[in-house]
Amino acid sequence: MTKMKILITVAALLLANPAFALEPIPGSITYGGQPRTNLKKAPIGSPVVHRFESGGIEYEERYIIQPDRSLKLVSRSRGTMH
């Protein structure tokens, strides 16, 4: 197995396993539950980027729109907002 295939397999397992799922933090779109409004026009699988500050730290989160129109948090990074 090539290194790339191993990396893709590990990434898929991490994203699929709820034990490794990211938890929302204050400021996350899904902190306290899914938003009341659904993204009805965005295609399923579309990415949504959310930038915010929490506890004096700037974050960027990426979500994916799920078939039931909910948002799945798939990544979070710390850094400078532009």
N, C-alpha and C. Protein backbone atom coordinates (compact mmCIF):
# COMPACT_ATOMS: atom_id res chain seq x y z
N MET A 1 0.86 -1.17 0.00
CA MET A 1 0.00 0.00 0.00
C MET A 1 0.90 1.23 0.00
N THR A 2 0.56 2.20 -0.84
CA THR A 2 1.37 3.41 -0.90
C THR A 2 1.07 4.31 0.29
N LYS A 3 1.98 5.24 0.53
CA LYS A 3 1.80 6.17 1.65
C LYS A 3 0.52 6.98 1.49
N MET A 4 0.21 7.37 0.25
CA MET A 4 -1.00 8.16 0.00
C MET A 4 -2.25 7.36 0.34
N LYS A 5 -2.30 6.09 -0.04
CA LYS A 5 -3.46 5.25 0.25
C LYS A 5 -3.61 5.06 1.76
N ILE A 6 -2.49 4.91 2.44
CA ILE A 6 -2.54 4.75 3.90
C ILE A 6 -3.08 6.03 4.53
N LEU A 7 -2.59 7.18 4.08
CA LEU A 7 -3.04 8.46 4.61
C LEU A 7 -4.54 8.65 4.37
N ILE A 8 -5.01 8.34 3.19
CA ILE A 8 -6.44 8.48 2.88
C ILE A 8 -7.26 7.53 3.73
N THR A 9 -6.79 6.31 3.92
CA THR A 9 -7.51 5.33 4.75
C THR A 9 -7.60 5.80 6.19
N VAL A 10 -6.49 6.29 6.74
CA VAL A 10 -6.48 6.77 8.12
C VAL A 10 -7.41 7.97 8.26
N ALA A 11 -7.36 8.90 7.32
CA ALA A 11 -8.24 10.08 7.37
C ALA A 11 -9.70 9.67 7.31
N ALA A 12 -10.03 8.73 6.46
CA ALA A 12 -11.42 8.26 6.36
C ALA A 12 -11.88 7.60 7.65
N LEU A 13 -11.02 6.82 8.26
CA LEU A 13 -11.38 6.17 9.52
C LEU A 13 -11.58 7.20 10.63
N LEU A 14 -10.73 8.21 10.67
CA LEU A 14 -10.86 9.23 11.70
C LEU A 14 -12.14 10.03 11.54
N LEU A 15 -12.49 10.36 10.30
CA LEU A 15 -13.71 11.12 10.06
C LEU A 15 -14.96 10.29 10.30
N ALA A 16 -14.88 9.00 10.04
CA ALA A 16 -16.04 8.12 10.19
C ALA A 16 -16.26 7.70 11.64
N ASN A 17 -15.23 7.71 12.44
CA ASN A 17 -15.33 7.23 13.81
C ASN A 17 -15.78 8.36 14.74
N PRO A 18 -16.95 8.23 15.36
CA PRO A 18 -17.44 9.30 16.24
C PRO A 18 -16.52 9.58 17.43
N ALA A 19 -15.70 8.63 17.81
CA ALA A 19 -14.78 8.86 18.93
C ALA A 19 -13.77 9.95 18.60
N PHE A 20 -13.51 10.16 17.31
CA PHE A 20 -12.56 11.17 16.88
C PHE A 20 -13.26 12.42 16.33
N ALA A 21 -14.58 12.50 16.46
CA ALA A 21 -15.33 13.63 15.94
C ALA A 21 -14.99 14.89 16.73
N LEU A 22 -14.94 16.01 16.03
CA LEU A 22 -14.72 17.30 16.69
C LEU A 22 -15.97 17.68 17.45
N GLU A 23 -15.78 18.25 18.60
CA GLU A 23 -16.90 18.75 19.39
C GLU A 23 -16.98 20.27 19.21
N PRO A 24 -18.18 20.80 19.09
CA PRO A 24 -18.32 22.26 18.98
C PRO A 24 -17.83 22.96 20.25
N ILE A 25 -17.32 24.16 20.07
CA ILE A 25 -16.89 25.00 21.19
C ILE A 25 -17.72 26.29 21.13
N PRO A 26 -17.72 27.10 22.21
CA PRO A 26 -18.48 28.36 22.14
C PRO A 26 -18.06 29.16 20.90
N GLY A 27 -19.04 29.55 20.12
CA GLY A 27 -18.79 30.27 18.87
C GLY A 27 -19.00 29.40 17.65
N SER A 28 -18.95 28.08 17.81
CA SER A 28 -19.21 27.16 16.70
C SER A 28 -20.68 27.28 16.28
N ILE A 29 -20.95 27.07 15.01
CA ILE A 29 -22.33 27.13 14.52
C ILE A 29 -23.19 26.10 15.25
N THR A 30 -22.64 24.94 15.52
CA THR A 30 -23.42 23.85 16.12
C THR A 30 -23.26 23.76 17.64
N TYR A 31 -22.65 24.76 18.25
CA TYR A 31 -22.53 24.75 19.71
C TYR A 31 -23.93 24.89 20.29
N GLY A 32 -24.34 23.95 21.12
CA GLY A 32 -25.69 23.96 21.68
C GLY A 32 -26.72 23.31 20.78
N GLY A 33 -26.28 22.65 19.70
CA GLY A 33 -27.19 21.97 18.79
C GLY A 33 -27.15 22.54 17.39
N GLN A 34 -27.89 21.93 16.51
CA GLN A 34 -27.95 22.38 15.12
C GLN A 34 -28.67 23.72 15.06
N PRO A 35 -28.30 24.55 14.08
CA PRO A 35 -28.99 25.84 13.94
C PRO A 35 -30.48 25.63 13.63
N ARG A 36 -31.29 26.59 13.99
CA ARG A 36 -32.74 26.49 13.76
C ARG A 36 -33.10 26.56 12.29
N THR A 37 -32.30 27.29 11.52
CA THR A 37 -32.57 27.41 10.08
C THR A 37 -31.72 26.40 9.32
N ASN A 38 -32.29 25.85 8.27
CA ASN A 38 -31.58 24.90 7.42
C ASN A 38 -31.08 25.60 6.16
N LEU A 39 -29.98 25.12 5.64
CA LEU A 39 -29.45 25.63 4.38
C LEU A 39 -30.14 24.86 3.26
N LYS A 40 -31.28 25.36 2.81
CA LYS A 40 -32.12 24.63 1.86
C LYS A 40 -31.63 24.71 0.43
N LYS A 41 -30.93 25.78 0.08
CA LYS A 41 -30.50 25.95 -1.31
C LYS A 41 -29.12 25.39 -1.60
N ALA A 42 -28.31 25.25 -0.58
CA ALA A 42 -26.94 24.74 -0.78
C ALA A 42 -27.00 23.24 -1.07
N PRO A 43 -26.22 22.78 -2.03
CA PRO A 43 -26.21 21.34 -2.36
C PRO A 43 -25.66 20.50 -1.20
N ILE A 44 -26.21 19.31 -1.05
CA ILE A 44 -25.70 18.36 -0.06
C ILE A 44 -24.23 18.10 -0.36
N GLY A 45 -23.41 18.08 0.67
CA GLY A 45 -21.97 17.89 0.50
C GLY A 45 -21.20 19.18 0.36
N SER A 46 -21.91 20.30 0.30
CA SER A 46 -21.24 21.60 0.16
C SER A 46 -20.49 21.95 1.44
N PRO A 47 -19.33 22.59 1.29
CA PRO A 47 -18.61 23.05 2.48
C PRO A 47 -19.16 24.39 2.96
N VAL A 48 -19.08 24.61 4.26
CA VAL A 48 -19.45 25.88 4.88
C VAL A 48 -18.28 26.26 5.78
N VAL A 49 -17.74 27.46 5.60
CA VAL A 49 -16.63 27.95 6.41
C VAL A 49 -17.17 28.96 7.42
N HIS A 50 -16.72 28.84 8.65
CA HIS A 50 -17.16 29.73 9.74
C HIS A 50 -15.92 30.20 10.49
N ARG A 51 -15.75 31.51 10.57
CA ARG A 51 -14.62 32.10 11.32
C ARG A 51 -15.18 32.83 12.53
N PHE A 52 -14.53 32.65 13.68
CA PHE A 52 -15.00 33.28 14.90
C PHE A 52 -13.89 33.34 15.93
N GLU A 53 -14.16 34.04 17.02
CA GLU A 53 -13.22 34.14 18.14
C GLU A 53 -13.87 33.53 19.37
N SER A 54 -13.09 32.77 20.12
CA SER A 54 -13.58 32.16 21.36
C SER A 54 -12.44 32.17 22.37
N GLY A 55 -12.67 32.74 23.51
CA GLY A 55 -11.64 32.78 24.55
C GLY A 55 -10.39 33.51 24.12
N GLY A 56 -10.54 34.51 23.27
CA GLY A 56 -9.40 35.28 22.80
C GLY A 56 -8.60 34.61 21.71
N ILE A 57 -9.08 33.47 21.22
CA ILE A 57 -8.38 32.73 20.16
C ILE A 57 -9.26 32.74 18.91
N GLU A 58 -8.65 32.98 17.77
CA GLU A 58 -9.38 32.97 16.51
C GLU A 58 -9.39 31.57 15.92
N TYR A 59 -10.54 31.17 15.38
CA TYR A 59 -10.71 29.84 14.80
C TYR A 59 -11.34 29.93 13.42
N GLU A 60 -11.07 28.92 12.63
CA GLU A 60 -11.78 28.71 11.37
C GLU A 60 -12.27 27.27 11.38
N GLU A 61 -13.58 27.09 11.20
CA GLU A 61 -14.16 25.75 11.16
C GLU A 61 -14.73 25.50 9.77
N ARG A 62 -14.70 24.24 9.39
CA ARG A 62 -15.31 23.81 8.13
C ARG A 62 -16.38 22.77 8.45
N TYR A 63 -17.52 22.98 7.84
CA TYR A 63 -18.66 22.07 7.98
C TYR A 63 -19.01 21.53 6.61
N ILE A 64 -19.71 20.38 6.59
CA ILE A 64 -20.25 19.80 5.36
C ILE A 64 -21.75 19.64 5.57
N ILE A 65 -22.52 20.07 4.56
CA ILE A 65 -23.98 19.92 4.62
C ILE A 65 -24.34 18.46 4.39
N GLN A 66 -25.07 17.89 5.34
CA GLN A 66 -25.46 16.48 5.31
C GLN A 66 -26.78 16.29 4.56
N PRO A 67 -27.10 15.05 4.17
CA PRO A 67 -28.36 14.79 3.44
C PRO A 67 -29.61 15.26 4.17
N ASP A 68 -29.59 15.28 5.51
CA ASP A 68 -30.76 15.76 6.26
C ASP A 68 -30.71 17.28 6.47
N ARG A 69 -29.77 17.96 5.79
CA ARG A 69 -29.57 19.40 5.82
C ARG A 69 -28.91 19.89 7.11
N SER A 70 -28.46 18.98 7.96
CA SER A 70 -27.71 19.38 9.15
C SER A 70 -26.27 19.68 8.76
N LEU A 71 -25.51 20.24 9.68
CA LEU A 71 -24.10 20.55 9.43
C LEU A 71 -23.23 19.60 10.23
N LYS A 72 -22.21 19.07 9.58
CA LYS A 72 -21.24 18.20 10.24
C LYS A 72 -19.92 18.95 10.32
N LEU A 73 -19.42 19.14 11.54
CA LEU A 73 -18.13 19.80 11.76
C LEU A 73 -17.02 18.84 11.38
N VAL A 74 -16.20 19.21 10.38
CA VAL A 74 -15.16 18.30 9.90
C VAL A 74 -13.74 18.79 10.19
N SER A 75 -13.56 20.09 10.45
CA SER A 75 -12.21 20.55 10.79
C SER A 75 -12.28 21.88 11.53
N ARG A 76 -11.23 22.12 12.30
CA ARG A 76 -11.09 23.39 13.02
C ARG A 76 -9.61 23.73 13.04
N SER A 77 -9.29 24.98 12.76
CA SER A 77 -7.90 25.41 12.85
C SER A 77 -7.83 26.72 13.61
N ARG A 78 -6.72 26.93 14.26
CA ARG A 78 -6.47 28.16 14.98
C ARG A 78 -5.60 29.04 14.11
N GLY A 79 -5.80 30.33 14.21
CA GLY A 79 -4.94 31.20 13.43
C GLY A 79 -5.49 32.59 13.33
N THR A 80 -4.87 33.38 12.49
CA THR A 80 -5.25 34.76 12.29
C THR A 80 -6.38 34.86 11.29
N MET A 81 -7.40 35.61 11.66
CA MET A 81 -8.51 35.82 10.75
C MET A 81 -8.17 36.98 9.82
N HIS A 82 -8.61 36.84 8.57
CA HIS A 82 -8.36 37.91 7.58
C HIS A 82 -9.64 38.57 7.20
